[in-house]
Amino acid sequence: MKKTILASVVLATAMFYTPQSSAFDESMSLRICEYVSINDKKRLRNYLKSNKVKIRSIFDSIQCNGVNLLEFAATSNALDVGEYLIGKLPVKTVTENLASIKASSAHLAKVANERIK
């Protein structure tokens, strides 16, 4: 009898449980994209710090207008944020995105080349 009641409670709880992480991730990526688009490095850093998130851990999962953060910074002419991203990302990631950075921003391409060397 106890097993039946326990199983019913667990099943009912599982049916009504909706994970909140997807909504948080969406709002987080929207906020980060906003800070990149307006070239606000200070707010971006504060937001990441307050949420205890490192840019390296979220870089692959966030897309702004269909491109990654580094390309978005280059196309948005967000030079301060772009330099910050280049400094925080692994050299391998910067190398992989170098061609798209060169196409959009000569300044960020120069910073990326210095980071790779």
PDB file of N, CA and C in Angstrom:
ATOM      1  N   MET A   1       0.810  -1.193   0.000  1.00  0.00           N
ATOM      2  CA  MET A   1       0.000   0.000   0.000  1.00  0.00           C
ATOM      3  C   MET A   1       0.859   1.265   0.000  1.00  0.00           C
ATOM      4  N   LYS A   2       1.893   1.270   0.866  1.00  0.00           N
ATOM      5  CA  LYS A   2       2.768   2.436   0.925  1.00  0.00           C
ATOM      6  C   LYS A   2       3.502   2.640  -0.392  1.00  0.00           C
ATOM      7  N   LYS A   3       3.898   1.544  -1.034  1.00  0.00           N
ATOM      8  CA  LYS A   3       4.606   1.652  -2.314  1.00  0.00           C
ATOM      9  C   LYS A   3       3.703   2.247  -3.383  1.00  0.00           C
ATOM     10  N   THR A   4       2.423   1.887  -3.357  1.00  0.00           N
ATOM     11  CA  THR A   4       1.484   2.399  -4.332  1.00  0.00           C
ATOM     12  C   THR A   4       1.278   3.903  -4.147  1.00  0.00           C
ATOM     13  N   ILE A   5       1.128   4.331  -2.904  1.00  0.00           N
ATOM     14  CA  ILE A   5       0.944   5.752  -2.618  1.00  0.00           C
ATOM     15  C   ILE A   5       2.205   6.531  -2.979  1.00  0.00           C
ATOM     16  N   LEU A   6       3.364   5.995  -2.617  1.00  0.00           N
ATOM     17  CA  LEU A   6       4.623   6.652  -2.937  1.00  0.00           C
ATOM     18  C   LEU A   6       4.825   6.763  -4.441  1.00  0.00           C
ATOM     19  N   ALA A   7       4.502   5.700  -5.150  1.00  0.00           N
ATOM     20  CA  ALA A   7       4.638   5.717  -6.608  1.00  0.00           C
ATOM     21  C   ALA A   7       3.694   6.741  -7.224  1.00  0.00           C
ATOM     22  N   SER A   8       2.488   6.857  -6.677  1.00  0.00           N
ATOM     23  CA  SER A   8       1.522   7.831  -7.187  1.00  0.00           C
ATOM     24  C   SER A   8       1.999   9.260  -6.960  1.00  0.00           C
ATOM     25  N   VAL A   9       2.552   9.507  -5.780  1.00  0.00           N
ATOM     26  CA  VAL A   9       3.057  10.844  -5.468  1.00  0.00           C
ATOM     27  C   VAL A   9       4.228  11.203  -6.373  1.00  0.00           C
ATOM     28  N   VAL A  10       5.142  10.265  -6.577  1.00  0.00           N
ATOM     29  CA  VAL A  10       6.295  10.511  -7.444  1.00  0.00           C
ATOM     30  C   VAL A  10       5.846  10.759  -8.875  1.00  0.00           C
ATOM     31  N   LEU A  11       4.896   9.968  -9.351  1.00  0.00           N
ATOM     32  CA  LEU A  11       4.392  10.136 -10.711  1.00  0.00           C
ATOM     33  C   LEU A  11       3.692  11.482 -10.882  1.00  0.00           C
ATOM     34  N   ALA A  12       2.871  11.866  -9.903  1.00  0.00           N
ATOM     35  CA  ALA A  12       2.169  13.150  -9.980  1.00  0.00           C
ATOM     36  C   ALA A  12       3.152  14.314  -9.943  1.00  0.00           C
ATOM     37  N   THR A  13       4.177  14.205  -9.131  1.00  0.00           N
ATOM     38  CA  THR A  13       5.185  15.259  -9.054  1.00  0.00           C
ATOM     39  C   THR A  13       5.929  15.381 -10.377  1.00  0.00           C
ATOM     40  N   ALA A  14       6.257  14.251 -10.974  1.00  0.00           N
ATOM     41  CA  ALA A  14       6.992  14.259 -12.242  1.00  0.00           C
ATOM     42  C   ALA A  14       6.150  14.857 -13.363  1.00  0.00           C
ATOM     43  N   MET A  15       4.835  14.655 -13.309  1.00  0.00           N
ATOM     44  CA  MET A  15       3.969  15.174 -14.364  1.00  0.00           C
ATOM     45  C   MET A  15       3.883  16.692 -14.323  1.00  0.00           C
ATOM     46  N   PHE A  16       3.936  17.273 -13.132  1.00  0.00           N
ATOM     47  CA  PHE A  16       3.774  18.720 -12.998  1.00  0.00           C
ATOM     48  C   PHE A  16       5.091  19.481 -12.915  1.00  0.00           C
ATOM     49  N   TYR A  17       6.186  18.761 -12.912  1.00  0.00           N
ATOM     50  CA  TYR A  17       7.490  19.408 -12.824  1.00  0.00           C
ATOM     51  C   TYR A  17       7.907  19.896 -14.198  1.00  0.00           C
ATOM     52  N   THR A  18       8.224  21.172 -14.297  1.00  0.00           N
ATOM     53  CA  THR A  18       8.757  21.724 -15.537  1.00  0.00           C
ATOM     54  C   THR A  18      10.083  22.384 -15.210  1.00  0.00           C
ATOM     55  N   PRO A  19      11.134  21.979 -15.862  1.00  0.00           N
ATOM     56  CA  PRO A  19      12.442  22.564 -15.549  1.00  0.00           C
ATOM     57  C   PRO A  19      12.489  24.030 -15.935  1.00  0.00           C
ATOM     58  N   GLN A  20      13.085  24.833 -15.085  1.00  0.00           N
ATOM     59  CA  GLN A  20      13.170  26.268 -15.297  1.00  0.00           C
ATOM     60  C   GLN A  20      14.435  26.674 -16.038  1.00  0.00           C
ATOM     61  N   SER A  21      15.353  25.729 -16.233  1.00  0.00           N
ATOM     62  CA  SER A  21      16.637  26.085 -16.823  1.00  0.00           C
ATOM     63  C   SER A  21      16.513  26.581 -18.255  1.00  0.00           C
ATOM     64  N   SER A  22      15.565  26.054 -19.023  1.00  0.00           N
ATOM     65  CA  SER A  22      15.454  26.501 -20.411  1.00  0.00           C
ATOM     66  C   SER A  22      15.018  27.964 -20.485  1.00  0.00           C
ATOM     67  N   ALA A  23      14.101  28.369 -19.628  1.00  0.00           N
ATOM     68  CA  ALA A  23      13.682  29.771 -19.621  1.00  0.00           C
ATOM     69  C   ALA A  23      14.822  30.660 -19.152  1.00  0.00           C
ATOM     70  N   PHE A  24      15.567  30.200 -18.147  1.00  0.00           N
ATOM     71  CA  PHE A  24      16.698  30.966 -17.656  1.00  0.00           C
ATOM     72  C   PHE A  24      17.760  31.092 -18.739  1.00  0.00           C
ATOM     73  N   ASP A  25      18.030  30.003 -19.449  1.00  0.00           N
ATOM     74  CA  ASP A  25      19.037  30.035 -20.503  1.00  0.00           C
ATOM     75  C   ASP A  25      18.639  31.007 -21.608  1.00  0.00           C
ATOM     76  N   GLU A  26      17.358  31.004 -21.953  1.00  0.00           N
ATOM     77  CA  GLU A  26      16.903  31.900 -23.010  1.00  0.00           C
ATOM     78  C   GLU A  26      17.016  33.358 -22.589  1.00  0.00           C
ATOM     79  N   SER A  27      16.612  33.663 -21.375  1.00  0.00           N
ATOM     80  CA  SER A  27      16.701  35.050 -20.913  1.00  0.00           C
ATOM     81  C   SER A  27      18.164  35.455 -20.732  1.00  0.00           C
ATOM     82  N   MET A  28      18.987  34.504 -20.313  1.00  0.00           N
ATOM     83  CA  MET A  28      20.411  34.788 -20.140  1.00  0.00           C
ATOM     84  C   MET A  28      21.061  35.083 -21.487  1.00  0.00           C
ATOM     85  N   SER A  29      20.760  34.276 -22.485  1.00  0.00           N
ATOM     86  CA  SER A  29      21.365  34.508 -23.797  1.00  0.00           C
ATOM     87  C   SER A  29      20.860  35.813 -24.406  1.00  0.00           C
ATOM     88  N   LEU A  30      19.609  36.138 -24.171  1.00  0.00           N
ATOM     89  CA  LEU A  30      19.069  37.399 -24.676  1.00  0.00           C
ATOM     90  C   LEU A  30      19.785  38.592 -24.043  1.00  0.00           C
ATOM     91  N   ARG A  31      20.002  38.516 -22.748  1.00  0.00           N
ATOM     92  CA  ARG A  31      20.694  39.596 -22.034  1.00  0.00           C
ATOM     93  C   ARG A  31      22.136  39.732 -22.519  1.00  0.00           C
ATOM     94  N   ILE A  32      22.820  38.609 -22.692  1.00  0.00           N
ATOM     95  CA  ILE A  32      24.206  38.642 -23.145  1.00  0.00           C
ATOM     96  C   ILE A  32      24.291  39.214 -24.556  1.00  0.00           C
ATOM     97  N   CYS A  33      23.394  38.787 -25.429  1.00  0.00           N
ATOM     98  CA  CYS A  33      23.382  39.333 -26.794  1.00  0.00           C
ATOM     99  C   CYS A  33      23.118  40.832 -26.790  1.00  0.00           C
ATOM    100  N   GLU A  34      22.264  41.276 -25.893  1.00  0.00           N
ATOM    101  CA  GLU A  34      21.978  42.710 -25.788  1.00  0.00           C
ATOM    102  C   GLU A  34      23.229  43.482 -25.388  1.00  0.00           C
ATOM    103  N   TYR A  35      23.956  42.976 -24.395  1.00  0.00           N
ATOM    104  CA  TYR A  35      25.170  43.662 -23.949  1.00  0.00           C
ATOM    105  C   TYR A  35      26.239  43.676 -25.034  1.00  0.00           C
ATOM    106  N   VAL A  36      26.322  42.603 -25.808  1.00  0.00           N
ATOM    107  CA  VAL A  36      27.296  42.565 -26.901  1.00  0.00           C
ATOM    108  C   VAL A  36      26.901  43.572 -27.965  1.00  0.00           C
ATOM    109  N   SER A  37      25.630  43.619 -28.317  1.00  0.00           N
ATOM    110  CA  SER A  37      25.197  44.505 -29.399  1.00  0.00           C
ATOM    111  C   SER A  37      25.418  45.979 -29.073  1.00  0.00           C
ATOM    112  N   ILE A  38      25.314  46.371 -27.796  1.00  0.00           N
ATOM    113  CA  ILE A  38      25.520  47.770 -27.436  1.00  0.00           C
ATOM    114  C   ILE A  38      26.945  48.037 -26.960  1.00  0.00           C
ATOM    115  N   ASN A  39      27.801  47.017 -27.047  1.00  0.00           N
ATOM    116  CA  ASN A  39      29.222  47.134 -26.719  1.00  0.00           C
ATOM    117  C   ASN A  39      29.432  47.579 -25.263  1.00  0.00           C
ATOM    118  N   ASP A  40      28.716  46.931 -24.355  1.00  0.00           N
ATOM    119  CA  ASP A  40      28.812  47.275 -22.935  1.00  0.00           C
ATOM    120  C   ASP A  40      29.561  46.168 -22.191  1.00  0.00           C
ATOM    121  N   LYS A  41      30.880  46.279 -22.185  1.00  0.00           N
ATOM    122  CA  LYS A  41      31.731  45.262 -21.568  1.00  0.00           C
ATOM    123  C   LYS A  41      31.535  45.207 -20.053  1.00  0.00           C
ATOM    124  N   LYS A  42      31.369  46.351 -19.439  1.00  0.00           N
ATOM    125  CA  LYS A  42      31.222  46.394 -17.980  1.00  0.00           C
ATOM    126  C   LYS A  42      29.964  45.648 -17.530  1.00  0.00           C
ATOM    127  N   ARG A  43      28.845  45.903 -18.174  1.00  0.00           N
ATOM    128  CA  ARG A  43      27.606  45.216 -17.803  1.00  0.00           C
ATOM    129  C   ARG A  43      27.688  43.727 -18.116  1.00  0.00           C
ATOM    130  N   LEU A  44      28.324  43.366 -19.211  1.00  0.00           N
ATOM    131  CA  LEU A  44      28.489  41.956 -19.564  1.00  0.00           C
ATOM    132  C   LEU A  44      29.297  41.236 -18.491  1.00  0.00           C
ATOM    133  N   ARG A  45      30.399  41.832 -18.096  1.00  0.00           N
ATOM    134  CA  ARG A  45      31.239  41.217 -17.060  1.00  0.00           C
ATOM    135  C   ARG A  45      30.487  41.090 -15.743  1.00  0.00           C
ATOM    136  N   ASN A  46      29.775  42.131 -15.351  1.00  0.00           N
ATOM    137  CA  ASN A  46      29.005  42.094 -14.110  1.00  0.00           C
ATOM    138  C   ASN A  46      27.900  41.035 -14.163  1.00  0.00           C
ATOM    139  N   TYR A  47      27.239  40.919 -15.304  1.00  0.00           N
ATOM    140  CA  TYR A  47      26.166  39.941 -15.461  1.00  0.00           C
ATOM    141  C   TYR A  47      26.713  38.517 -15.368  1.00  0.00           C
ATOM    142  N   LEU A  48      27.817  38.272 -16.046  1.00  0.00           N
ATOM    143  CA  LEU A  48      28.419  36.942 -15.989  1.00  0.00           C
ATOM    144  C   LEU A  48      28.882  36.619 -14.571  1.00  0.00           C
ATOM    145  N   LYS A  49      29.466  37.590 -13.914  1.00  0.00           N
ATOM    146  CA  LYS A  49      29.957  37.380 -12.554  1.00  0.00           C
ATOM    147  C   LYS A  49      28.809  37.133 -11.585  1.00  0.00           C
ATOM    148  N   SER A  50      27.729  37.893 -11.696  1.00  0.00           N
ATOM    149  CA  SER A  50      26.600  37.726 -10.779  1.00  0.00           C
ATOM    150  C   SER A  50      25.904  36.378 -10.967  1.00  0.00           C
ATOM    151  N   ASN A  51      25.964  35.823 -12.177  1.00  0.00           N
ATOM    152  CA  ASN A  51      25.374  34.514 -12.443  1.00  0.00           C
ATOM    153  C   ASN A  51      26.379  33.373 -12.308  1.00  0.00           C
ATOM    154  N   LYS A  52      27.606  33.734 -11.936  1.00  0.00           N
ATOM    155  CA  LYS A  52      28.685  32.747 -11.747  1.00  0.00           C
ATOM    156  C   LYS A  52      28.867  31.875 -12.980  1.00  0.00           C
ATOM    157  N   VAL A  53      28.995  32.550 -14.126  1.00  0.00           N
ATOM    158  CA  VAL A  53      29.157  31.874 -15.412  1.00  0.00           C
ATOM    159  C   VAL A  53      30.413  32.398 -16.077  1.00  0.00           C
ATOM    160  N   LYS A  54      31.152  31.498 -16.691  1.00  0.00           N
ATOM    161  CA  LYS A  54      32.324  31.903 -17.456  1.00  0.00           C
ATOM    162  C   LYS A  54      31.982  31.870 -18.939  1.00  0.00           C
ATOM    163  N   ILE A  55      32.554  32.797 -19.666  1.00  0.00           N
ATOM    164  CA  ILE A  55      32.254  32.905 -21.093  1.00  0.00           C
ATOM    165  C   ILE A  55      32.674  31.643 -21.834  1.00  0.00           C
ATOM    166  N   ARG A  56      33.730  31.003 -21.388  1.00  0.00           N
ATOM    167  CA  ARG A  56      34.187  29.756 -22.023  1.00  0.00           C
ATOM    168  C   ARG A  56      33.133  28.660 -21.952  1.00  0.00           C
ATOM    169  N   SER A  57      32.402  28.613 -20.857  1.00  0.00           N
ATOM    170  CA  SER A  57      31.434  27.532 -20.678  1.00  0.00           C
ATOM    171  C   SER A  57      30.144  27.752 -21.464  1.00  0.00           C
ATOM    172  N   ILE A  58      29.815  28.974 -21.809  1.00  0.00           N
ATOM    173  CA  ILE A  58      28.556  29.235 -22.503  1.00  0.00           C
ATOM    174  C   ILE A  58      28.737  29.638 -23.959  1.00  0.00           C
ATOM    175  N   PHE A  59      29.973  29.819 -24.397  1.00  0.00           N
ATOM    176  CA  PHE A  59      30.220  30.345 -25.738  1.00  0.00           C
ATOM    177  C   PHE A  59      29.575  29.475 -26.822  1.00  0.00           C
ATOM    178  N   ASP A  60      29.688  28.167 -26.709  1.00  0.00           N
ATOM    179  CA  ASP A  60      29.153  27.282 -27.742  1.00  0.00           C
ATOM    180  C   ASP A  60      27.630  27.204 -27.739  1.00  0.00           C
ATOM    181  N   SER A  61      27.003  27.522 -26.637  1.00  0.00           N
ATOM    182  CA  SER A  61      25.552  27.372 -26.541  1.00  0.00           C
ATOM    183  C   SER A  61      24.769  28.644 -26.855  1.00  0.00           C
ATOM    184  N   ILE A  62      25.427  29.782 -26.925  1.00  0.00           N
ATOM    185  CA  ILE A  62      24.709  31.039 -27.175  1.00  0.00           C
ATOM    186  C   ILE A  62      24.929  31.496 -28.614  1.00  0.00           C
ATOM    187  N   GLN A  63      23.825  31.823 -29.263  1.00  0.00           N
ATOM    188  CA  GLN A  63      23.856  32.365 -30.619  1.00  0.00           C
ATOM    189  C   GLN A  63      23.076  33.673 -30.629  1.00  0.00           C
ATOM    190  N   CYS A  64      23.621  34.658 -31.286  1.00  0.00           N
ATOM    191  CA  CYS A  64      22.950  35.947 -31.455  1.00  0.00           C
ATOM    192  C   CYS A  64      22.755  36.171 -32.946  1.00  0.00           C
ATOM    193  N   ASN A  65      21.525  36.315 -33.364  1.00  0.00           N
ATOM    194  CA  ASN A  65      21.187  36.468 -34.787  1.00  0.00           C
ATOM    195  C   ASN A  65      21.768  35.341 -35.637  1.00  0.00           C
ATOM    196  N   GLY A  66      21.820  34.146 -35.076  1.00  0.00           N
ATOM    197  CA  GLY A  66      22.268  32.974 -35.814  1.00  0.00           C
ATOM    198  C   GLY A  66      23.771  32.778 -35.872  1.00  0.00           C
ATOM    199  N   VAL A  67      24.539  33.621 -35.224  1.00  0.00           N
ATOM    200  CA  VAL A  67      26.001  33.472 -35.206  1.00  0.00           C
ATOM    201  C   VAL A  67      26.488  33.446 -33.760  1.00  0.00           C
ATOM    202  N   ASN A  68      27.729  32.999 -33.564  1.00  0.00           N
ATOM    203  CA  ASN A  68      28.253  32.953 -32.195  1.00  0.00           C
ATOM    204  C   ASN A  68      28.588  34.366 -31.703  1.00  0.00           C
ATOM    205  N   LEU A  69      28.914  34.448 -30.435  1.00  0.00           N
ATOM    206  CA  LEU A  69      29.139  35.765 -29.805  1.00  0.00           C
ATOM    207  C   LEU A  69      30.281  36.550 -30.445  1.00  0.00           C
ATOM    208  N   LEU A  70      31.334  35.856 -30.819  1.00  0.00           N
ATOM    209  CA  LEU A  70      32.492  36.537 -31.392  1.00  0.00           C
ATOM    210  C   LEU A  70      32.167  37.141 -32.757  1.00  0.00           C
ATOM    211  N   GLU A  71      31.495  36.381 -33.590  1.00  0.00           N
ATOM    212  CA  GLU A  71      31.084  36.911 -34.893  1.00  0.00           C
ATOM    213  C   GLU A  71      30.074  38.045 -34.724  1.00  0.00           C
ATOM    214  N   PHE A  72      29.173  37.886 -33.760  1.00  0.00           N
ATOM    215  CA  PHE A  72      28.176  38.923 -33.511  1.00  0.00           C
ATOM    216  C   PHE A  72      28.832  40.224 -33.047  1.00  0.00           C
ATOM    217  N   ALA A  73      29.844  40.103 -32.203  1.00  0.00           N
ATOM    218  CA  ALA A  73      30.570  41.297 -31.759  1.00  0.00           C
ATOM    219  C   ALA A  73      31.263  41.976 -32.936  1.00  0.00           C
ATOM    220  N   ALA A  74      31.827  41.180 -33.834  1.00  0.00           N
ATOM    221  CA  ALA A  74      32.520  41.740 -34.998  1.00  0.00           C
ATOM    222  C   ALA A  74      31.536  42.436 -35.935  1.00  0.00           C
ATOM    223  N   THR A  75      30.389  41.827 -36.192  1.00  0.00           N
ATOM    224  CA  THR A  75      29.422  42.442 -37.105  1.00  0.00           C
ATOM    225  C   THR A  75      28.715  43.638 -36.467  1.00  0.00           C
ATOM    226  N   SER A  76      28.617  43.646 -35.134  1.00  0.00           N
ATOM    227  CA  SER A  76      27.964  44.755 -34.435  1.00  0.00           C
ATOM    228  C   SER A  76      28.915  45.908 -34.143  1.00  0.00           C
ATOM    229  N   ASN A  77      30.168  45.757 -34.538  1.00  0.00           N
ATOM    230  CA  ASN A  77      31.194  46.753 -34.285  1.00  0.00           C
ATOM    231  C   ASN A  77      31.368  46.996 -32.782  1.00  0.00           C
ATOM    232  N   ALA A  78      31.256  45.924 -32.008  1.00  0.00           N
ATOM    233  CA  ALA A  78      31.432  45.972 -30.556  1.00  0.00           C
ATOM    234  C   ALA A  78      32.886  45.624 -30.241  1.00  0.00           C
ATOM    235  N   LEU A  79      33.755  46.608 -30.388  1.00  0.00           N
ATOM    236  CA  LEU A  79      35.194  46.363 -30.284  1.00  0.00           C
ATOM    237  C   LEU A  79      35.634  46.038 -28.857  1.00  0.00           C
ATOM    238  N   ASP A  80      35.101  46.733 -27.868  1.00  0.00           N
ATOM    239  CA  ASP A  80      35.492  46.461 -26.476  1.00  0.00           C
ATOM    240  C   ASP A  80      35.078  45.058 -26.054  1.00  0.00           C
ATOM    241  N   VAL A  81      33.847  44.696 -26.349  1.00  0.00           N
ATOM    242  CA  VAL A  81      33.360  43.367 -25.997  1.00  0.00           C
ATOM    243  C   VAL A  81      34.084  42.303 -26.817  1.00  0.00           C
ATOM    244  N   GLY A  82      34.353  42.588 -28.074  1.00  0.00           N
ATOM    245  CA  GLY A  82      35.082  41.644 -28.917  1.00  0.00           C
ATOM    246  C   GLY A  82      36.475  41.365 -28.379  1.00  0.00           C
ATOM    247  N   GLU A  83      37.170  42.406 -27.964  1.00  0.00           N
ATOM    248  CA  GLU A  83      38.503  42.221 -27.371  1.00  0.00           C
ATOM    249  C   GLU A  83      38.411  41.405 -26.084  1.00  0.00           C
ATOM    250  N   TYR A  84      37.388  41.678 -25.287  1.00  0.00           N
ATOM    251  CA  TYR A  84      37.179  40.930 -24.048  1.00  0.00           C
ATOM    252  C   TYR A  84      36.948  39.447 -24.344  1.00  0.00           C
ATOM    253  N   LEU A  85      36.093  39.163 -25.318  1.00  0.00           N
ATOM    254  CA  LEU A  85      35.813  37.773 -25.684  1.00  0.00           C
ATOM    255  C   LEU A  85      37.066  37.069 -26.191  1.00  0.00           C
ATOM    256  N   ILE A  86      37.824  37.739 -27.029  1.00  0.00           N
ATOM    257  CA  ILE A  86      39.049  37.145 -27.566  1.00  0.00           C
ATOM    258  C   ILE A  86      40.018  36.830 -26.446  1.00  0.00           C
ATOM    259  N   GLY A  87      40.091  37.684 -25.464  1.00  0.00           N
ATOM    260  CA  GLY A  87      40.984  37.450 -24.337  1.00  0.00           C
ATOM    261  C   GLY A  87      40.544  36.318 -23.433  1.00  0.00           C
ATOM    262  N   LYS A  88      39.257  36.064 -23.341  1.00  0.00           N
ATOM    263  CA  LYS A  88      38.733  35.050 -22.435  1.00  0.00           C
ATOM    264  C   LYS A  88      38.564  33.673 -23.086  1.00  0.00           C
ATOM    265  N   LEU A  89      38.426  33.634 -24.395  1.00  0.00           N
ATOM    266  CA  LEU A  89      38.206  32.357 -25.077  1.00  0.00           C
ATOM    267  C   LEU A  89      39.516  31.624 -25.326  1.00  0.00           C
ATOM    268  N   PRO A  90      39.453  30.302 -25.431  1.00  0.00           N
ATOM    269  CA  PRO A  90      40.670  29.541 -25.746  1.00  0.00           C
ATOM    270  C   PRO A  90      41.207  29.902 -27.130  1.00  0.00           C
ATOM    271  N   VAL A  91      42.500  29.754 -27.308  1.00  0.00           N
ATOM    272  CA  VAL A  91      43.143  30.088 -28.579  1.00  0.00           C
ATOM    273  C   VAL A  91      42.535  29.268 -29.722  1.00  0.00           C
ATOM    274  N   LYS A  92      42.203  28.016 -29.444  1.00  0.00           N
ATOM    275  CA  LYS A  92      41.619  27.148 -30.468  1.00  0.00           C
ATOM    276  C   LYS A  92      40.299  27.723 -30.981  1.00  0.00           C
ATOM    277  N   THR A  93      39.476  28.208 -30.097  1.00  0.00           N
ATOM    278  CA  THR A  93      38.191  28.798 -30.481  1.00  0.00           C
ATOM    279  C   THR A  93      38.397  30.073 -31.289  1.00  0.00           C
ATOM    280  N   VAL A  94      39.337  30.892 -30.875  1.00  0.00           N
ATOM    281  CA  VAL A  94      39.626  32.131 -31.609  1.00  0.00           C
ATOM    282  C   VAL A  94      40.133  31.794 -33.003  1.00  0.00           C
ATOM    283  N   THR A  95      40.993  30.779 -33.103  1.00  0.00           N
ATOM    284  CA  THR A  95      41.531  30.360 -34.398  1.00  0.00           C
ATOM    285  C   THR A  95      40.415  29.880 -35.327  1.00  0.00           C
ATOM    286  N   GLU A  96      39.476  29.121 -34.786  1.00  0.00           N
ATOM    287  CA  GLU A  96      38.361  28.610 -35.591  1.00  0.00           C
ATOM    288  C   GLU A  96      37.479  29.729 -36.136  1.00  0.00           C
ATOM    289  N   ASN A  97      37.390  30.821 -35.429  1.00  0.00           N
ATOM    290  CA  ASN A  97      36.516  31.923 -35.826  1.00  0.00           C
ATOM    291  C   ASN A  97      37.256  33.072 -36.504  1.00  0.00           C
ATOM    292  N   LEU A  98      38.528  32.893 -36.755  1.00  0.00           N
ATOM    293  CA  LEU A  98      39.341  33.982 -37.304  1.00  0.00           C
ATOM    294  C   LEU A  98      38.852  34.454 -38.669  1.00  0.00           C
ATOM    295  N   ALA A  99      38.470  33.540 -39.537  1.00  0.00           N
ATOM    296  CA  ALA A  99      38.028  33.928 -40.880  1.00  0.00           C
ATOM    297  C   ALA A  99      36.780  34.806 -40.831  1.00  0.00           C
ATOM    298  N   SER A 100      35.822  34.451 -39.993  1.00  0.00           N
ATOM    299  CA  SER A 100      34.600  35.258 -39.911  1.00  0.00           C
ATOM    300  C   SER A 100      34.863  36.597 -39.237  1.00  0.00           C
ATOM    301  N   ILE A 101      35.825  36.634 -38.316  1.00  0.00           N
ATOM    302  CA  ILE A 101      36.181  37.903 -37.670  1.00  0.00           C
ATOM    303  C   ILE A 101      36.835  38.831 -38.689  1.00  0.00           C
ATOM    304  N   LYS A 102      37.743  38.277 -39.513  1.00  0.00           N
ATOM    305  CA  LYS A 102      38.425  39.086 -40.525  1.00  0.00           C
ATOM    306  C   LYS A 102      37.442  39.703 -41.501  1.00  0.00           C
ATOM    307  N   ALA A 103      36.392  38.965 -41.836  1.00  0.00           N
ATOM    308  CA  ALA A 103      35.413  39.462 -42.800  1.00  0.00           C
ATOM    309  C   ALA A 103      34.610  40.642 -42.254  1.00  0.00           C
ATOM    310  N   SER A 104      34.482  40.728 -40.934  1.00  0.00           N
ATOM    311  CA  SER A 104      33.621  41.754 -40.350  1.00  0.00           C
ATOM    312  C   SER A 104      34.356  42.906 -39.679  1.00  0.00           C
ATOM    313  N   SER A 105      35.532  42.630 -39.108  1.00  0.00           N
ATOM    314  CA  SER A 105      36.205  43.675 -38.346  1.00  0.00           C
ATOM    315  C   SER A 105      37.718  43.519 -38.436  1.00  0.00           C
ATOM    316  N   ALA A 106      38.369  44.506 -39.028  1.00  0.00           N
ATOM    317  CA  ALA A 106      39.824  44.473 -39.150  1.00  0.00           C
ATOM    318  C   ALA A 106      40.490  44.615 -37.782  1.00  0.00           C
ATOM    319  N   HIS A 107      39.928  45.440 -36.927  1.00  0.00           N
ATOM    320  CA  HIS A 107      40.508  45.651 -35.602  1.00  0.00           C
ATOM    321  C   HIS A 107      40.481  44.359 -34.778  1.00  0.00           C
ATOM    322  N   LEU A 108      39.330  43.690 -34.740  1.00  0.00           N
ATOM    323  CA  LEU A 108      39.232  42.443 -33.979  1.00  0.00           C
ATOM    324  C   LEU A 108      40.072  41.335 -34.606  1.00  0.00           C
ATOM    325  N   ALA A 109      40.240  41.367 -35.918  1.00  0.00           N
ATOM    326  CA  ALA A 109      41.100  40.381 -36.567  1.00  0.00           C
ATOM    327  C   ALA A 109      42.542  40.564 -36.122  1.00  0.00           C
ATOM    328  N   LYS A 110      42.962  41.819 -35.992  1.00  0.00           N
ATOM    329  CA  LYS A 110      44.319  42.114 -35.517  1.00  0.00           C
ATOM    330  C   LYS A 110      44.504  41.622 -34.081  1.00  0.00           C
ATOM    331  N   VAL A 111      43.532  41.875 -33.221  1.00  0.00           N
ATOM    332  CA  VAL A 111      43.592  41.430 -31.826  1.00  0.00           C
ATOM    333  C   VAL A 111      43.604  39.912 -31.758  1.00  0.00           C
ATOM    334  N   ALA A 112      42.809  39.265 -32.598  1.00  0.00           N
ATOM    335  CA  ALA A 112      42.758  37.804 -32.625  1.00  0.00           C
ATOM    336  C   ALA A 112      44.084  37.218 -33.095  1.00  0.00           C
ATOM    337  N   ASN A 113      44.701  37.831 -34.100  1.00  0.00           N
ATOM    338  CA  ASN A 113      46.010  37.369 -34.585  1.00  0.00           C
ATOM    339  C   ASN A 113      47.072  37.483 -33.491  1.00  0.00           C
ATOM    340  N   GLU A 114      47.024  38.563 -32.739  1.00  0.00           N
ATOM    341  CA  GLU A 114      47.978  38.730 -31.619  1.00  0.00           C
ATOM    342  C   GLU A 114      47.738  37.665 -30.545  1.00  0.00           C
ATOM    343  N   ARG A 115      46.483  37.323 -30.312  1.00  0.00           N
ATOM    344  CA  ARG A 115      46.158  36.298 -29.300  1.00  0.00           C
ATOM    345  C   ARG A 115      46.628  34.920 -29.729  1.00  0.00           C
ATOM    346  N   ILE A 116      46.558  34.650 -31.019  1.00  0.00           N
ATOM    347  CA  ILE A 116      46.948  33.332 -31.529  1.00  0.00           C
ATOM    348  C   ILE A 116      48.450  33.135 -31.467  1.00  0.00           C
ATOM    349  N   LYS A 117      49.210  34.208 -31.690  1.00  0.00           N
ATOM    350  CA  LYS A 117      50.670  34.087 -31.696  1.00  0.00           C
ATOM    351  C   LYS A 117      51.239  33.789 -30.363  1.00  0.00           C
TER     352      LYS A 117
END
